Amino acid sequence: MTNELILNTDRRVLNFEDLRKKPFYAKKLESFNTEEPVVILSPDENVFILAGRSIPESAVSFYKQILNWFSDYIQEPKNETNLCIAFDYWNTATDKQIAKILLLMESILPPPQVIVSWYFTDENSQGYLSGKGFCELLDINIMLIPLNENGELLDIT
């Protein structure tokens, strides 16, 4: 069983019920460090979130423990894994690390249901283009979900 991993946020502010029902709520979480994202990986709560800003000084070293965590997780994944990625800004080095995480998710065999909710703001074309690129490159269910500048879901009906 993989233990929970929570980085760059205060665990006391987490309401897992809200995070499970409305993953975009993660955009409103405040991080301790504005260069590193909030990371909440809790298999017991079925909450897997990478959110906020990701421009760490060394993306490779920051994401190493996250990649190690996912490597352990995919050995005994849940029947359903819902990964929420809600960055408002990130750098190219982070993009490479996210690709590694998504490749790990794609490699789960036999494939349980893996859903990646890729949130982007309507003014963040980098978010949309990057998410769309991952959709085209990977054999994994990635939902592109637009948000307004306040982190609320856009009505696209």
C-alpha atoms as a PDB file:
ATOM      1  CA  MET A   1       0.000   0.000   0.000  1.00  0.00           C
ATOM      2  CA  THR A   2       1.341   3.389  -1.010  1.00  0.00           C
ATOM      3  CA  ASN A   3       1.381   6.023   1.701  1.00  0.00           C
ATOM      4  CA  GLU A   4       0.017   9.494   1.204  1.00  0.00           C
ATOM      5  CA  LEU A   5       2.312  12.269  -0.067  1.00  0.00           C
ATOM      6  CA  ILE A   6       1.449  15.898   0.618  1.00  0.00           C
ATOM      7  CA  LEU A   7       3.850  18.670  -0.332  1.00  0.00           C
ATOM      8  CA  ASN A   8       3.783  22.436  -0.095  1.00  0.00           C
ATOM      9  CA  THR A   9       0.498  22.850   1.745  1.00  0.00           C
ATOM     10  CA  ASP A  10      -0.797  22.647   5.273  1.00  0.00           C
ATOM     11  CA  ARG A  11      -2.594  19.328   5.749  1.00  0.00           C
ATOM     12  CA  ARG A  12      -4.948  20.952   8.252  1.00  0.00           C
ATOM     13  CA  VAL A  13      -6.611  23.015   5.507  1.00  0.00           C
ATOM     14  CA  LEU A  14      -7.456  19.994   3.357  1.00  0.00           C
ATOM     15  CA  ASN A  15     -11.068  18.980   3.055  1.00  0.00           C
ATOM     16  CA  PHE A  16     -10.843  15.699   1.165  1.00  0.00           C
ATOM     17  CA  GLU A  17     -14.599  15.538   0.610  1.00  0.00           C
ATOM     18  CA  ASP A  18     -14.516  18.859  -1.263  1.00  0.00           C
ATOM     19  CA  LEU A  19     -11.394  17.837  -3.163  1.00  0.00           C
ATOM     20  CA  ARG A  20     -13.024  14.578  -4.281  1.00  0.00           C
ATOM     21  CA  LYS A  21     -16.233  16.261  -5.409  1.00  0.00           C
ATOM     22  CA  LYS A  22     -14.710  19.366  -6.960  1.00  0.00           C
ATOM     23  CA  PRO A  23     -11.066  18.853  -7.922  1.00  0.00           C
ATOM     24  CA  PHE A  24     -10.838  22.393  -9.286  1.00  0.00           C
ATOM     25  CA  TYR A  25     -11.094  23.503  -5.633  1.00  0.00           C
ATOM     26  CA  ALA A  26      -7.369  22.701  -5.533  1.00  0.00           C
ATOM     27  CA  LYS A  27      -6.663  25.871  -7.509  1.00  0.00           C
ATOM     28  CA  LYS A  28      -7.710  27.821  -4.430  1.00  0.00           C
ATOM     29  CA  LEU A  29      -5.276  26.035  -2.123  1.00  0.00           C
ATOM     30  CA  GLU A  30      -2.492  28.304  -0.995  1.00  0.00           C
ATOM     31  CA  SER A  31       1.011  26.936  -1.213  1.00  0.00           C
ATOM     32  CA  PHE A  32       3.815  27.764   1.185  1.00  0.00           C
ATOM     33  CA  ASN A  33       6.211  28.311  -1.695  1.00  0.00           C
ATOM     34  CA  THR A  34       5.002  30.118  -4.797  1.00  0.00           C
ATOM     35  CA  GLU A  35       7.566  28.358  -6.980  1.00  0.00           C
ATOM     36  CA  GLU A  36       6.475  24.818  -6.083  1.00  0.00           C
ATOM     37  CA  PRO A  37       3.019  23.367  -6.650  1.00  0.00           C
ATOM     38  CA  VAL A  38       0.646  21.942  -4.098  1.00  0.00           C
ATOM     39  CA  VAL A  39       0.903  18.155  -4.306  1.00  0.00           C
ATOM     40  CA  ILE A  40      -1.712  15.937  -2.699  1.00  0.00           C
ATOM     41  CA  LEU A  41      -1.423  12.221  -3.414  1.00  0.00           C
ATOM     42  CA  SER A  42      -3.740  10.307  -1.129  1.00  0.00           C
ATOM     43  CA  PRO A  43      -4.827   6.882  -2.394  1.00  0.00           C
ATOM     44  CA  ASP A  44      -6.949   6.216   0.703  1.00  0.00           C
ATOM     45  CA  GLU A  45      -8.940   9.384  -0.014  1.00  0.00           C
ATOM     46  CA  ASN A  46      -8.751   8.865  -3.805  1.00  0.00           C
ATOM     47  CA  VAL A  47      -7.331  12.372  -4.175  1.00  0.00           C
ATOM     48  CA  PHE A  48      -4.422  12.960  -6.578  1.00  0.00           C
ATOM     49  CA  ILE A  49      -3.709  16.642  -7.216  1.00  0.00           C
ATOM     50  CA  LEU A  50      -0.906  18.741  -8.673  1.00  0.00           C
ATOM     51  CA  ALA A  51      -1.944  22.385  -8.577  1.00  0.00           C
ATOM     52  CA  GLY A  52      -0.787  25.978  -8.538  1.00  0.00           C
ATOM     53  CA  ARG A  53       2.497  27.260  -9.880  1.00  0.00           C
ATOM     54  CA  SER A  54       5.385  24.976 -10.768  1.00  0.00           C
ATOM     55  CA  ILE A  55       8.666  26.707 -11.422  1.00  0.00           C
ATOM     56  CA  PRO A  56      10.950  25.002  -8.896  1.00  0.00           C
ATOM     57  CA  GLU A  57      14.649  25.747  -8.991  1.00  0.00           C
ATOM     58  CA  SER A  58      15.228  22.099  -9.946  1.00  0.00           C
ATOM     59  CA  ALA A  59      12.144  20.404 -11.375  1.00  0.00           C
ATOM     60  CA  VAL A  60      14.017  17.106 -11.616  1.00  0.00           C
ATOM     61  CA  SER A  61      14.819  16.995  -7.892  1.00  0.00           C
ATOM     62  CA  PHE A  62      11.400  18.354  -6.836  1.00  0.00           C
ATOM     63  CA  TYR A  63       9.487  15.819  -8.943  1.00  0.00           C
ATOM     64  CA  LYS A  64      11.808  12.903  -8.141  1.00  0.00           C
ATOM     65  CA  GLN A  65       9.915  11.977  -4.977  1.00  0.00           C
ATOM     66  CA  ILE A  66       6.593  12.390  -6.807  1.00  0.00           C
ATOM     67  CA  LEU A  67       7.751  10.116  -9.640  1.00  0.00           C
ATOM     68  CA  ASN A  68       8.998   7.599  -7.076  1.00  0.00           C
ATOM     69  CA  TRP A  69       5.617   7.775  -5.337  1.00  0.00           C
ATOM     70  CA  PHE A  70       3.756   7.120  -8.604  1.00  0.00           C
ATOM     71  CA  SER A  71       6.162   4.279  -9.452  1.00  0.00           C
ATOM     72  CA  ASP A  72       5.163   2.612  -6.179  1.00  0.00           C
ATOM     73  CA  TYR A  73       1.486   3.439  -6.655  1.00  0.00           C
ATOM     74  CA  ILE A  74       1.192   1.823 -10.086  1.00  0.00           C
ATOM     75  CA  GLN A  75       2.287  -1.508  -8.580  1.00  0.00           C
ATOM     76  CA  GLU A  76      -1.060  -1.664  -6.738  1.00  0.00           C
ATOM     77  CA  PRO A  77      -3.299   1.055  -8.163  1.00  0.00           C
ATOM     78  CA  LYS A  78      -6.878   1.715  -7.144  1.00  0.00           C
ATOM     79  CA  ASN A  79      -9.644   0.526  -9.477  1.00  0.00           C
ATOM     80  CA  GLU A  80     -10.107   4.147 -10.442  1.00  0.00           C
ATOM     81  CA  THR A  81      -7.457   6.843 -10.392  1.00  0.00           C
ATOM     82  CA  ASN A  82      -8.497  10.455 -10.929  1.00  0.00           C
ATOM     83  CA  LEU A  83      -5.488  12.712 -11.295  1.00  0.00           C
ATOM     84  CA  CYS A  84      -6.196  16.444 -11.241  1.00  0.00           C
ATOM     85  CA  ILE A  85      -3.619  18.754 -12.800  1.00  0.00           C
ATOM     86  CA  ALA A  86      -4.468  22.403 -12.281  1.00  0.00           C
ATOM     87  CA  PHE A  87      -1.405  24.554 -12.898  1.00  0.00           C
ATOM     88  CA  ASP A  88      -1.825  28.245 -13.469  1.00  0.00           C
ATOM     89  CA  TYR A  89       1.814  28.506 -14.570  1.00  0.00           C
ATOM     90  CA  TRP A  90       4.693  26.084 -15.065  1.00  0.00           C
ATOM     91  CA  ASN A  91       7.985  25.916 -16.883  1.00  0.00           C
ATOM     92  CA  THR A  92       9.339  23.570 -19.553  1.00  0.00           C
ATOM     93  CA  ALA A  93      11.247  21.521 -16.983  1.00  0.00           C
ATOM     94  CA  THR A  94       7.960  20.855 -15.171  1.00  0.00           C
ATOM     95  CA  ASP A  95       6.295  19.893 -18.441  1.00  0.00           C
ATOM     96  CA  LYS A  96       8.872  17.123 -18.884  1.00  0.00           C
ATOM     97  CA  GLN A  97       8.205  15.821 -15.371  1.00  0.00           C
ATOM     98  CA  ILE A  98       4.435  15.852 -15.931  1.00  0.00           C
ATOM     99  CA  ALA A  99       4.993  13.833 -19.108  1.00  0.00           C
ATOM    100  CA  LYS A 100       6.863  11.243 -17.022  1.00  0.00           C
ATOM    101  CA  ILE A 101       3.973  11.075 -14.529  1.00  0.00           C
ATOM    102  CA  LEU A 102       1.428  10.641 -17.323  1.00  0.00           C
ATOM    103  CA  LEU A 103       3.567   7.923 -18.925  1.00  0.00           C
ATOM    104  CA  LEU A 104       3.558   6.101 -15.587  1.00  0.00           C
ATOM    105  CA  MET A 105      -0.236   6.375 -15.466  1.00  0.00           C
ATOM    106  CA  GLU A 106      -0.429   5.053 -19.017  1.00  0.00           C
ATOM    107  CA  SER A 107       1.722   2.044 -18.099  1.00  0.00           C
ATOM    108  CA  ILE A 108      -0.647   0.642 -15.459  1.00  0.00           C
ATOM    109  CA  LEU A 109      -1.420  -2.974 -16.427  1.00  0.00           C
ATOM    110  CA  PRO A 110      -4.022  -4.277 -16.564  1.00  0.00           C
ATOM    111  CA  PRO A 111      -5.469  -0.839 -17.104  1.00  0.00           C
ATOM    112  CA  PRO A 112      -7.859   0.244 -14.387  1.00  0.00           C
ATOM    113  CA  GLN A 113      -9.808   3.363 -15.062  1.00  0.00           C
ATOM    114  CA  VAL A 114      -7.379   6.308 -15.143  1.00  0.00           C
ATOM    115  CA  ILE A 115      -8.822   9.754 -15.701  1.00  0.00           C
ATOM    116  CA  VAL A 116      -6.701  12.886 -15.856  1.00  0.00           C
ATOM    117  CA  SER A 117      -8.603  16.135 -15.354  1.00  0.00           C
ATOM    118  CA  TRP A 118      -6.466  18.844 -16.952  1.00  0.00           C
ATOM    119  CA  TYR A 119      -7.682  22.244 -15.761  1.00  0.00           C
ATOM    120  CA  PHE A 120      -6.619  25.422 -17.524  1.00  0.00           C
ATOM    121  CA  THR A 121      -7.762  29.033 -17.365  1.00  0.00           C
ATOM    122  CA  ASP A 122      -9.430  30.586 -20.367  1.00  0.00           C
ATOM    123  CA  GLU A 123      -6.553  33.064 -20.536  1.00  0.00           C
ATOM    124  CA  ASN A 124      -3.860  30.365 -20.254  1.00  0.00           C
ATOM    125  CA  SER A 125      -3.270  29.064 -23.764  1.00  0.00           C
ATOM    126  CA  GLN A 126      -0.151  27.231 -22.561  1.00  0.00           C
ATOM    127  CA  GLY A 127      -2.396  25.123 -20.341  1.00  0.00           C
ATOM    128  CA  TYR A 128      -4.766  24.238 -23.145  1.00  0.00           C
ATOM    129  CA  LEU A 129      -2.058  23.522 -25.729  1.00  0.00           C
ATOM    130  CA  SER A 130       0.005  21.419 -23.345  1.00  0.00           C
ATOM    131  CA  GLY A 131      -3.034  19.390 -22.248  1.00  0.00           C
ATOM    132  CA  LYS A 132      -4.102  18.895 -25.856  1.00  0.00           C
ATOM    133  CA  GLY A 133      -0.600  17.769 -26.768  1.00  0.00           C
ATOM    134  CA  PHE A 134      -0.651  15.135 -24.029  1.00  0.00           C
ATOM    135  CA  CYS A 135      -4.083  13.980 -25.255  1.00  0.00           C
ATOM    136  CA  GLU A 136      -2.660  13.409 -28.726  1.00  0.00           C
ATOM    137  CA  LEU A 137       0.547  11.708 -27.591  1.00  0.00           C
ATOM    138  CA  LEU A 138      -0.695   9.398 -24.855  1.00  0.00           C
ATOM    139  CA  ASP A 139      -3.204   6.590 -24.708  1.00  0.00           C
ATOM    140  CA  ILE A 140      -4.822   7.845 -21.537  1.00  0.00           C
ATOM    141  CA  ASN A 141      -8.137   9.551 -20.810  1.00  0.00           C
ATOM    142  CA  ILE A 142      -7.331  13.274 -20.404  1.00  0.00           C
ATOM    143  CA  MET A 143     -10.255  15.648 -20.007  1.00  0.00           C
ATOM    144  CA  LEU A 144      -9.491  19.286 -20.848  1.00  0.00           C
ATOM    145  CA  ILE A 145     -11.510  21.462 -18.475  1.00  0.00           C
ATOM    146  CA  PRO A 146     -11.582  25.260 -18.865  1.00  0.00           C
ATOM    147  CA  LEU A 147     -11.737  27.509 -15.807  1.00  0.00           C
ATOM    148  CA  ASN A 148     -12.285  31.230 -15.549  1.00  0.00           C
ATOM    149  CA  GLU A 149      -9.696  33.470 -13.886  1.00  0.00           C
ATOM    150  CA  ASN A 150     -11.320  32.790 -10.471  1.00  0.00           C
ATOM    151  CA  GLY A 151     -10.772  29.032 -10.811  1.00  0.00           C
ATOM    152  CA  GLU A 152     -14.458  28.318 -11.464  1.00  0.00           C
ATOM    153  CA  LEU A 153     -15.668  25.980 -14.180  1.00  0.00           C
ATOM    154  CA  LEU A 154     -16.650  27.731 -17.392  1.00  0.00           C
ATOM    155  CA  ASP A 155     -20.114  27.019 -18.725  1.00  0.00           C
ATOM    156  CA  ILE A 156     -19.386  25.695 -22.214  1.00  0.00           C
ATOM    157  CA  THR A 157     -22.922  24.582 -23.065  1.00  0.00           C
END
